[in-house]
Amino acid sequence: MSKRNRLVVASGIKLAALTGVLLVSGCGKKKPEGEPAGAGAAPAAGAAPAPGAPATPGVSATEIKIGQTMPYSGGLSAYGVIGKTEIAFFKMINEKGGINGRKINLISYDDAYTPPKAVEQTRKLVEGDGVAFVFGSVGTATNTAVQGYLNENKVPQLFVATGADKWADPAKNPWTIGWQPSYRTEAKIYARHLLKEKPGAKICVLFQNDDFGKDYLAGLKDGLGEQYDKLVIKTASYEVTDPTVDSQVITLQAAGCDTLISATTPKAAVGAIRKVADIGWKPLFIISNVSVSVTSVFTPAGLDKSTGIITGLYLKDPKDPAMASDAGMNEYRAFMKQYAPPELNPEDANAVFGYGVSVSLVKVLTQCGNDLSRENIMKQAANLTKLAVPVAIPGVEITTTATDFRPFSQMQLGKFNGTSFERFGDVLSAD
């Protein structure tokens, strides 16, 4: 990356944005379009690679260059908060000396949540920017589009920001690993809860018509077993490009459902919540964990209309009064206050996600020591034992092995009370 494409602020940390990405420097100003995004640093003294260690693109004695694609524009731009939080996080890490003496240079490109753009930008990261690995890219469809390319080229695809179950297949795709509980795991937990608490439920499912939504159907089939065909009386799909989901919601209500499972991303979730309330439907309303941000989903939909919604939780709710004195959340809030750009709301669940996954990556790179070969990076990502992320719910920990690429496999149910989620019941596992 040439110097002309970098913005150097007073601290020596470099922040920038690619075409269409509006990232914020330390003074909170937008950067010109056409610049690449990153959280790197000027060269500094660092540990040298171990003698004989394989050379890795993007790794030097002073730097680890990593990349990602994010939907900073388009219908799922609410998730752009994740990328902005991660850039701010590694700015903090760099100011504290980096990881094992190396600074992190995170290049974050906009893919507008379109697979062709994700392919273009990911190839640019690998072949143009020369990143060591790809980290935290958002979206099932976009990550699916680049998974084959990254695995064929043996480039780690770490902690993808999507819960598709396919990321946990080390035999077929040994260079890809997820982070959050899989959508299939989440749906299986909902199914088990319903079998116990509402065994006669008449279930309808609203789902996004791609791998994301279909994983929820698979999880419900796993959890409900032979009861699936009896209990699930209607499903309705939507496309990401659909302007509304109004007709789908009306169809589901007409089927006589008393339980609605909404496997939706934020834009559709907002629409579903509004329509359910507007037509006076009062089902037991369960919504995907990826769409329970009070800031980007419930507030636009209406807090009163969102009250009573249930979801599976694995991260702490920043709006929960019980978290006011929580040590992990205080650590998160202090980071957001000092490093996050001003447009980010610390109460946005997407920011909590960005912080938590970044903490996990720091653990992986710290375990790598000076062996930053791509092989060892993947080995360490699959070698985490009961990692307690500061923003994770107590009792929900990360464990990975060479044959288990599901970092989180537990959740606790919570009900939205109009302000925050009240957790109830035990921490549940789909195993």
Protein backbone atom coordinates (compact mmCIF):
# COMPACT_ATOMS: atom_id res chain seq x y z
CA MET A 1 0.00 0.00 0.00
CA SER A 2 1.52 3.29 -1.02
CA LYS A 3 2.00 6.13 1.41
CA ARG A 4 -0.33 8.34 -0.56
CA ASN A 5 -3.23 5.99 0.30
CA ARG A 6 -2.68 6.26 4.04
CA LEU A 7 -3.78 8.86 6.50
CA VAL A 8 -1.40 9.33 9.40
CA VAL A 9 -2.86 11.01 12.47
CA ALA A 10 -0.93 12.53 15.33
CA SER A 11 -0.73 9.29 17.30
CA GLY A 12 0.95 7.51 14.40
CA ILE A 13 -2.06 5.23 13.89
CA LYS A 14 -3.30 5.03 10.33
CA LEU A 15 -7.04 5.01 9.63
CA ALA A 16 -8.56 5.11 6.16
CA ALA A 17 -11.48 3.92 4.09
CA LEU A 18 -12.02 2.26 0.71
CA THR A 19 -14.49 3.55 -1.83
CA GLY A 20 -17.88 3.90 -0.20
CA VAL A 21 -16.59 3.29 3.33
CA LEU A 22 -16.88 6.18 5.73
CA LEU A 23 -14.45 5.56 8.55
CA VAL A 24 -13.51 8.08 11.14
CA SER A 25 -10.12 9.37 12.16
CA GLY A 26 -9.25 10.47 15.66
CA CYS A 27 -10.80 13.88 15.04
CA GLY A 28 -14.06 12.38 13.76
CA LYS A 29 -13.85 13.67 10.17
CA LYS A 30 -14.84 11.67 7.12
CA LYS A 31 -12.08 10.56 4.87
CA PRO A 32 -12.12 11.03 1.13
CA GLU A 33 -13.62 8.22 -0.89
CA GLY A 34 -11.15 5.96 -2.61
CA GLU A 35 -8.80 5.43 0.32
CA PRO A 36 -8.27 1.98 1.86
CA ALA A 37 -9.36 1.45 5.47
CA GLY A 38 -7.05 0.23 8.17
CA ALA A 39 -5.77 0.40 11.70
CA GLY A 40 -2.04 0.08 11.27
CA ALA A 41 0.95 1.91 12.66
CA ALA A 42 4.24 3.42 11.68
CA PRO A 43 7.14 0.95 11.86
CA ALA A 44 8.36 0.27 15.35
CA ALA A 45 10.82 -2.10 16.95
CA GLY A 46 9.31 -5.58 17.30
CA ALA A 47 10.15 -9.22 17.76
CA ALA A 48 11.76 -10.91 14.78
CA PRO A 49 10.26 -14.09 13.36
CA ALA A 50 11.59 -17.30 14.81
CA PRO A 51 14.54 -18.74 12.88
CA GLY A 52 13.32 -20.99 10.11
CA ALA A 53 9.68 -19.87 10.44
CA PRO A 54 7.85 -19.82 7.11
CA ALA A 55 7.52 -16.42 5.52
CA THR A 56 3.91 -15.20 5.55
CA PRO A 57 2.50 -12.46 3.34
CA GLY A 58 1.61 -9.43 5.41
CA VAL A 59 3.88 -10.35 8.32
CA SER A 60 7.08 -8.49 9.12
CA ALA A 61 9.08 -7.86 12.25
CA THR A 62 6.85 -4.88 13.00
CA GLU A 63 3.46 -5.56 11.42
CA ILE A 64 0.69 -8.08 10.83
CA LYS A 65 -1.48 -7.01 7.91
CA ILE A 66 -5.00 -8.44 7.92
CA GLY A 67 -8.12 -7.74 5.88
CA GLN A 68 -11.90 -7.98 5.82
CA THR A 69 -14.97 -6.95 3.83
CA MET A 70 -17.95 -5.25 5.42
CA PRO A 71 -21.40 -4.02 4.30
CA TYR A 72 -20.68 -0.35 4.92
CA SER A 73 -23.31 0.40 2.28
CA GLY A 74 -26.43 -1.37 1.07
CA GLY A 75 -29.35 -2.98 2.85
CA LEU A 76 -27.29 -4.50 5.66
CA SER A 77 -25.16 -1.43 6.39
CA ALA A 78 -26.18 -1.62 10.07
CA TYR A 79 -23.48 -4.29 10.37
CA GLY A 80 -20.84 -1.77 9.29
CA VAL A 81 -20.64 -0.87 12.99
CA ILE A 82 -18.79 -4.15 13.50
CA GLY A 83 -15.96 -3.18 11.16
CA LYS A 84 -15.66 0.33 12.56
CA THR A 85 -15.47 -1.07 16.09
CA GLU A 86 -12.75 -3.52 15.09
CA ILE A 87 -10.68 -0.80 13.46
CA ALA A 88 -10.94 1.25 16.65
CA PHE A 89 -10.05 -1.80 18.74
CA PHE A 90 -6.81 -2.44 16.90
CA LYS A 91 -5.96 1.24 17.10
CA MET A 92 -6.09 0.72 20.86
CA ILE A 93 -4.01 -2.45 20.68
CA ASN A 94 -1.39 -0.69 18.56
CA GLU A 95 -1.14 2.24 20.95
CA LYS A 96 -0.49 -0.28 23.71
CA GLY A 97 2.40 -1.84 21.81
CA GLY A 98 0.70 -4.30 19.48
CA ILE A 99 0.80 -8.09 19.80
CA ASN A 100 4.15 -9.67 20.58
CA GLY A 101 5.78 -6.44 19.35
CA ARG A 102 3.89 -6.22 16.07
CA LYS A 103 1.25 -3.66 15.15
CA ILE A 104 -1.99 -4.74 13.47
CA ASN A 105 -2.81 -3.16 10.11
CA LEU A 106 -6.50 -3.94 9.49
CA ILE A 107 -7.68 -3.13 5.96
CA SER A 108 -11.48 -2.98 5.81
CA TYR A 109 -13.26 -2.78 2.44
CA ASP A 110 -16.91 -2.22 1.57
CA ASP A 111 -18.65 -5.10 -0.22
CA ALA A 112 -22.21 -3.69 0.11
CA TYR A 113 -23.22 -7.25 1.08
CA THR A 114 -22.98 -8.38 -2.54
CA PRO A 115 -21.09 -11.61 -3.30
CA PRO A 116 -19.44 -10.35 -6.53
CA LYS A 117 -18.08 -7.30 -4.69
CA ALA A 118 -16.93 -9.48 -1.80
CA VAL A 119 -15.00 -11.67 -4.25
CA GLU A 120 -13.42 -8.64 -5.90
CA GLN A 121 -12.41 -7.02 -2.62
CA THR A 122 -11.16 -10.25 -1.04
CA ARG A 123 -8.96 -11.00 -4.02
CA LYS A 124 -7.62 -7.46 -3.74
CA LEU A 125 -6.82 -8.04 -0.06
CA VAL A 126 -4.96 -11.28 -0.78
CA GLU A 127 -3.32 -10.57 -4.12
CA GLY A 128 -2.98 -6.78 -3.99
CA ASP A 129 -2.60 -5.83 -0.35
CA GLY A 130 -0.90 -9.09 0.62
CA VAL A 131 -2.74 -9.70 3.88
CA ALA A 132 -1.75 -12.59 6.13
CA PHE A 133 -5.37 -13.64 6.58
CA VAL A 134 -8.98 -12.49 6.41
CA PHE A 135 -10.75 -11.65 9.65
CA GLY A 136 -14.35 -11.10 10.62
CA SER A 137 -15.94 -10.47 7.24
CA VAL A 138 -19.71 -10.07 7.58
CA GLY A 139 -22.39 -12.11 5.87
CA THR A 140 -23.30 -15.65 4.91
CA ALA A 141 -23.63 -15.05 1.16
CA THR A 142 -20.49 -12.95 0.93
CA ASN A 143 -18.33 -15.33 2.95
CA THR A 144 -19.68 -18.27 0.97
CA ALA A 145 -18.60 -16.55 -2.23
CA VAL A 146 -14.96 -16.34 -1.11
CA GLN A 147 -14.66 -19.48 1.02
CA GLY A 148 -13.50 -21.70 -1.86
CA TYR A 149 -10.93 -19.16 -3.04
CA LEU A 150 -9.45 -18.68 0.43
CA ASN A 151 -9.30 -22.40 1.18
CA GLU A 152 -7.76 -23.23 -2.17
CA ASN A 153 -5.05 -20.64 -1.49
CA LYS A 154 -4.67 -21.70 2.15
CA VAL A 155 -5.50 -18.24 3.48
CA PRO A 156 -7.10 -18.32 6.96
CA GLN A 157 -10.70 -17.09 6.99
CA LEU A 158 -10.95 -16.34 10.69
CA PHE A 159 -14.00 -15.71 12.86
CA VAL A 160 -16.40 -14.89 10.05
CA ALA A 161 -19.27 -12.68 11.24
CA THR A 162 -22.04 -15.09 10.33
CA GLY A 163 -23.45 -18.08 12.14
CA ALA A 164 -23.87 -20.39 9.15
CA ASP A 165 -23.19 -23.96 10.22
CA LYS A 166 -20.95 -24.51 7.18
CA TRP A 167 -18.06 -22.64 8.84
CA ALA A 168 -17.63 -25.59 11.20
CA ASP A 169 -16.39 -28.12 8.65
CA PRO A 170 -12.62 -28.50 9.13
CA ALA A 171 -12.51 -31.65 6.99
CA LYS A 172 -13.88 -29.85 3.93
CA ASN A 173 -12.76 -26.26 4.62
CA PRO A 174 -9.81 -26.37 7.04
CA TRP A 175 -9.01 -22.66 6.56
CA THR A 176 -12.42 -21.32 7.64
CA ILE A 177 -13.73 -20.93 11.19
CA GLY A 178 -16.74 -19.10 12.60
CA TRP A 179 -17.15 -17.33 15.93
CA GLN A 180 -20.73 -16.81 17.07
CA PRO A 181 -23.13 -19.69 17.82
CA SER A 182 -24.27 -21.17 14.53
CA TYR A 183 -27.76 -20.34 13.33
CA ARG A 184 -28.52 -24.06 13.35
CA THR A 185 -27.41 -24.29 16.99
CA GLU A 186 -29.50 -21.24 17.88
CA ALA A 187 -32.63 -22.64 16.20
CA LYS A 188 -32.12 -26.00 17.88
CA ILE A 189 -32.09 -24.24 21.26
CA TYR A 190 -35.35 -22.45 20.39
CA ALA A 191 -36.92 -25.76 19.38
CA ARG A 192 -35.95 -27.44 22.64
CA HIS A 193 -37.31 -24.50 24.61
CA LEU A 194 -40.64 -24.68 22.79
CA LEU A 195 -40.96 -28.43 23.23
CA LYS A 196 -40.54 -27.94 26.96
CA GLU A 197 -42.48 -24.72 27.56
CA LYS A 198 -45.04 -24.71 24.73
CA PRO A 199 -45.35 -28.26 23.39
CA GLY A 200 -48.54 -27.49 21.45
CA ALA A 201 -47.14 -24.45 19.66
CA LYS A 202 -48.33 -23.58 16.17
CA ILE A 203 -45.08 -22.32 14.71
CA CYS A 204 -44.53 -20.07 11.71
CA VAL A 205 -41.09 -19.15 10.38
CA LEU A 206 -40.08 -16.03 8.46
CA PHE A 207 -36.67 -16.63 6.93
CA GLN A 208 -34.17 -15.02 4.58
CA ASN A 209 -33.97 -17.07 1.40
CA ASP A 210 -30.31 -18.05 1.58
CA ASP A 211 -28.01 -20.21 3.69
CA PHE A 212 -28.56 -17.88 6.64
CA GLY A 213 -32.30 -18.43 6.77
CA LYS A 214 -32.22 -22.08 5.74
CA ASP A 215 -29.88 -22.92 8.63
CA TYR A 216 -32.69 -21.94 11.01
CA LEU A 217 -35.07 -24.34 9.31
CA ALA A 218 -32.46 -27.09 9.60
CA GLY A 219 -31.94 -26.32 13.29
CA LEU A 220 -35.68 -26.44 13.97
CA LYS A 221 -35.84 -29.82 12.26
CA ASP A 222 -32.93 -31.00 14.42
CA GLY A 223 -34.57 -29.79 17.63
CA LEU A 224 -38.20 -30.68 16.92
CA GLY A 225 -37.41 -34.01 15.31
CA GLU A 226 -40.49 -35.96 14.30
CA GLN A 227 -42.64 -33.13 15.71
CA TYR A 228 -41.44 -30.67 13.05
CA ASP A 229 -44.14 -31.34 10.46
CA LYS A 230 -46.83 -31.20 13.15
CA LEU A 231 -45.69 -28.02 14.89
CA VAL A 232 -44.34 -25.90 12.01
CA ILE A 233 -47.50 -25.09 10.09
CA LYS A 234 -46.22 -22.36 7.77
CA THR A 235 -42.97 -20.84 6.50
CA ALA A 236 -42.39 -17.76 4.36
CA SER A 237 -39.17 -16.57 2.78
CA TYR A 238 -37.96 -13.15 1.64
CA GLU A 239 -35.06 -11.86 -0.41
CA VAL A 240 -32.51 -9.37 0.94
CA THR A 241 -33.55 -7.01 -1.84
CA ASP A 242 -37.28 -7.11 -0.98
CA PRO A 243 -38.50 -3.66 0.05
CA THR A 244 -40.74 -5.08 2.81
CA VAL A 245 -41.81 -8.34 4.43
CA ASP A 246 -45.37 -7.13 4.99
CA SER A 247 -47.02 -9.71 2.74
CA GLN A 248 -45.08 -12.56 4.35
CA VAL A 249 -46.12 -11.50 7.86
CA ILE A 250 -49.77 -11.25 6.81
CA THR A 251 -49.60 -14.72 5.25
CA LEU A 252 -48.12 -16.22 8.40
CA GLN A 253 -50.74 -14.65 10.64
CA ALA A 254 -53.49 -15.98 8.38
CA ALA A 255 -52.13 -19.51 8.82
CA GLY A 256 -53.18 -19.41 12.47
CA CYS A 257 -49.73 -19.39 14.07
CA ASP A 258 -49.33 -18.52 17.73
CA THR A 259 -45.51 -18.60 17.61
CA LEU A 260 -43.34 -16.68 15.15
CA ILE A 261 -39.66 -17.40 14.63
CA SER A 262 -38.07 -14.59 12.64
CA ALA A 263 -34.79 -15.64 10.98
CA THR A 264 -34.13 -12.17 9.65
CA THR A 265 -31.36 -9.63 9.25
CA PRO A 266 -31.86 -6.07 10.63
CA LYS A 267 -33.80 -4.38 7.82
CA ALA A 268 -36.31 -7.21 7.51
CA ALA A 269 -36.46 -7.60 11.30
CA VAL A 270 -37.51 -3.96 11.68
CA GLY A 271 -40.20 -4.47 9.08
CA ALA A 272 -41.45 -7.69 10.65
CA ILE A 273 -41.68 -6.18 14.13
CA ARG A 274 -43.62 -3.18 12.86
CA LYS A 275 -46.03 -5.25 10.78
CA VAL A 276 -46.71 -7.81 13.52
CA ALA A 277 -47.68 -4.96 15.84
CA ASP A 278 -49.61 -2.98 13.23
CA ILE A 279 -51.93 -5.89 12.38
CA GLY A 280 -52.55 -6.64 16.05
CA TRP A 281 -50.90 -10.06 15.96
CA LYS A 282 -49.56 -11.18 19.33
CA PRO A 283 -47.59 -14.39 18.79
CA LEU A 284 -44.79 -15.67 20.99
CA PHE A 285 -42.16 -13.78 19.01
CA ILE A 286 -38.65 -15.23 18.74
CA ILE A 287 -36.10 -13.35 16.66
CA SER A 288 -32.60 -14.19 15.43
CA ASN A 289 -29.79 -13.03 17.67
CA VAL A 290 -28.20 -11.15 14.77
CA SER A 291 -31.14 -8.73 14.78
CA VAL A 292 -31.60 -7.79 18.41
CA SER A 293 -29.67 -4.55 18.49
CA VAL A 294 -31.73 -2.05 20.46
CA THR A 295 -30.02 0.75 18.54
CA SER A 296 -30.35 -0.47 14.96
CA VAL A 297 -33.44 -2.71 15.15
CA PHE A 298 -35.73 -2.22 18.16
CA THR A 299 -35.56 1.57 18.29
CA PRO A 300 -36.36 2.04 14.57
CA ALA A 301 -39.10 -0.60 14.84
CA GLY A 302 -40.50 0.92 18.03
CA LEU A 303 -39.49 -0.07 21.55
CA ASP A 304 -43.12 -0.64 22.49
CA LYS A 305 -43.61 -2.88 19.46
CA SER A 306 -40.45 -4.83 20.31
CA THR A 307 -41.34 -5.48 23.94
CA GLY A 308 -41.74 -9.18 24.69
CA ILE A 309 -39.48 -10.44 21.90
CA ILE A 310 -37.33 -13.43 22.88
CA THR A 311 -33.89 -14.31 21.56
CA GLY A 312 -30.88 -16.45 22.37
CA LEU A 313 -28.04 -14.47 23.94
CA TYR A 314 -24.34 -15.18 24.22
CA LEU A 315 -23.08 -11.61 24.60
CA LYS A 316 -24.01 -9.19 27.36
CA ASP A 317 -26.63 -6.54 26.68
CA PRO A 318 -25.05 -3.07 27.05
CA LYS A 319 -28.44 -1.63 28.02
CA ASP A 320 -29.04 -4.14 30.81
CA PRO A 321 -28.99 -2.26 34.17
CA ALA A 322 -27.38 -5.31 35.74
CA MET A 323 -24.34 -4.65 33.54
CA ALA A 324 -23.76 -1.17 34.97
CA SER A 325 -20.97 -2.39 37.24
CA ASP A 326 -19.92 -5.48 35.28
CA ALA A 327 -16.13 -5.57 34.93
CA GLY A 328 -16.16 -6.82 31.34
CA MET A 329 -18.68 -4.24 30.21
CA ASN A 330 -16.81 -1.47 32.02
CA GLU A 331 -13.72 -2.49 30.06
CA TYR A 332 -15.77 -2.34 26.85
CA ARG A 333 -17.31 1.04 27.69
CA ALA A 334 -13.91 2.55 28.51
CA PHE A 335 -12.63 1.38 25.11
CA MET A 336 -15.63 2.84 23.30
CA LYS A 337 -15.28 6.17 25.09
CA GLN A 338 -11.61 6.58 24.26
CA TYR A 339 -11.22 4.96 20.85
CA ALA A 340 -14.53 4.55 19.01
CA PRO A 341 -15.51 7.16 16.40
CA PRO A 342 -18.28 9.46 17.63
CA GLU A 343 -21.01 8.05 15.40
CA LEU A 344 -20.80 4.65 17.12
CA ASN A 345 -23.26 4.04 19.95
CA PRO A 346 -21.79 1.94 22.79
CA GLU A 347 -25.26 0.49 23.35
CA ASP A 348 -25.29 -1.03 19.86
CA ALA A 349 -25.03 -4.82 20.08
CA ASN A 350 -23.01 -4.80 16.85
CA ALA A 351 -20.29 -2.81 18.59
CA VAL A 352 -20.26 -5.35 21.45
CA PHE A 353 -19.83 -8.08 18.84
CA GLY A 354 -16.94 -6.26 17.18
CA TYR A 355 -15.19 -5.86 20.51
CA GLY A 356 -15.67 -9.49 21.55
CA VAL A 357 -14.45 -11.03 18.32
CA SER A 358 -11.41 -8.73 18.33
CA VAL A 359 -10.50 -9.87 21.85
CA SER A 360 -10.64 -13.44 20.54
CA LEU A 361 -8.30 -12.66 17.65
CA VAL A 362 -5.79 -11.07 20.03
CA LYS A 363 -5.77 -14.34 21.99
CA VAL A 364 -5.09 -16.34 18.84
CA LEU A 365 -2.24 -14.10 17.67
CA THR A 366 -0.74 -13.99 21.15
CA GLN A 367 -0.69 -17.80 21.23
CA CYS A 368 1.07 -17.79 17.85
CA GLY A 369 4.12 -16.12 19.36
CA ASN A 370 6.64 -15.56 16.59
CA ASP A 371 5.34 -18.38 14.41
CA LEU A 372 2.92 -16.43 12.26
CA SER A 373 2.77 -18.92 9.44
CA ARG A 374 -0.73 -19.33 8.10
CA GLU A 375 -0.66 -22.94 9.28
CA ASN A 376 0.06 -21.93 12.87
CA ILE A 377 -2.51 -19.14 12.80
CA MET A 378 -5.19 -21.72 11.93
CA LYS A 379 -3.78 -24.16 14.47
CA GLN A 380 -4.06 -21.60 17.27
CA ALA A 381 -7.57 -20.52 16.19
CA ALA A 382 -8.52 -24.17 16.68
CA ASN A 383 -6.76 -24.36 20.04
CA LEU A 384 -8.82 -22.18 22.39
CA THR A 385 -9.89 -23.63 25.72
CA LYS A 386 -12.65 -22.07 27.83
CA LEU A 387 -11.78 -18.56 26.69
CA ALA A 388 -13.92 -16.13 28.69
CA VAL A 389 -14.52 -13.10 26.48
CA PRO A 390 -15.18 -10.01 28.69
CA VAL A 391 -18.48 -9.22 26.93
CA ALA A 392 -19.79 -12.80 26.88
CA ILE A 393 -22.52 -13.97 29.25
CA PRO A 394 -21.11 -15.77 32.33
CA GLY A 395 -20.86 -19.48 31.64
CA VAL A 396 -20.69 -18.99 27.86
CA GLU A 397 -17.10 -19.63 26.82
CA ILE A 398 -15.11 -20.29 23.66
CA THR A 399 -13.58 -23.70 23.07
CA THR A 400 -12.17 -24.94 19.77
CA THR A 401 -10.24 -28.02 18.71
CA ALA A 402 -8.85 -29.40 15.47
CA THR A 403 -12.20 -31.15 14.91
CA ASP A 404 -14.54 -28.59 16.51
CA PHE A 405 -14.72 -25.26 14.69
CA ARG A 406 -17.71 -23.95 16.69
CA PRO A 407 -16.19 -21.44 19.15
CA PHE A 408 -19.50 -20.63 20.89
CA SER A 409 -22.06 -23.43 21.32
CA GLN A 410 -24.11 -22.12 24.26
CA MET A 411 -26.76 -19.45 24.71
CA GLN A 412 -29.17 -18.16 27.34
CA LEU A 413 -32.67 -16.98 26.44
CA GLY A 414 -33.66 -13.38 27.10
CA LYS A 415 -36.88 -11.36 26.79
CA PHE A 416 -36.89 -7.71 25.78
CA ASN A 417 -38.61 -5.55 28.39
CA GLY A 418 -38.72 -2.33 26.40
CA THR A 419 -35.25 -1.25 27.49
CA SER A 420 -33.00 -4.29 27.67
CA PHE A 421 -33.06 -8.07 27.68
CA GLU A 422 -33.91 -9.93 30.86
CA ARG A 423 -32.17 -13.30 30.78
CA PHE A 424 -34.09 -16.28 32.04
CA GLY A 425 -33.51 -19.98 32.52
CA ASP A 426 -30.21 -21.82 32.34
CA VAL A 427 -27.40 -21.48 29.84
CA LEU A 428 -28.46 -23.89 27.09
CA SER A 429 -26.46 -26.01 24.71
CA ALA A 430 -27.60 -27.66 21.50
CA ASP A 431 -25.36 -30.69 22.16
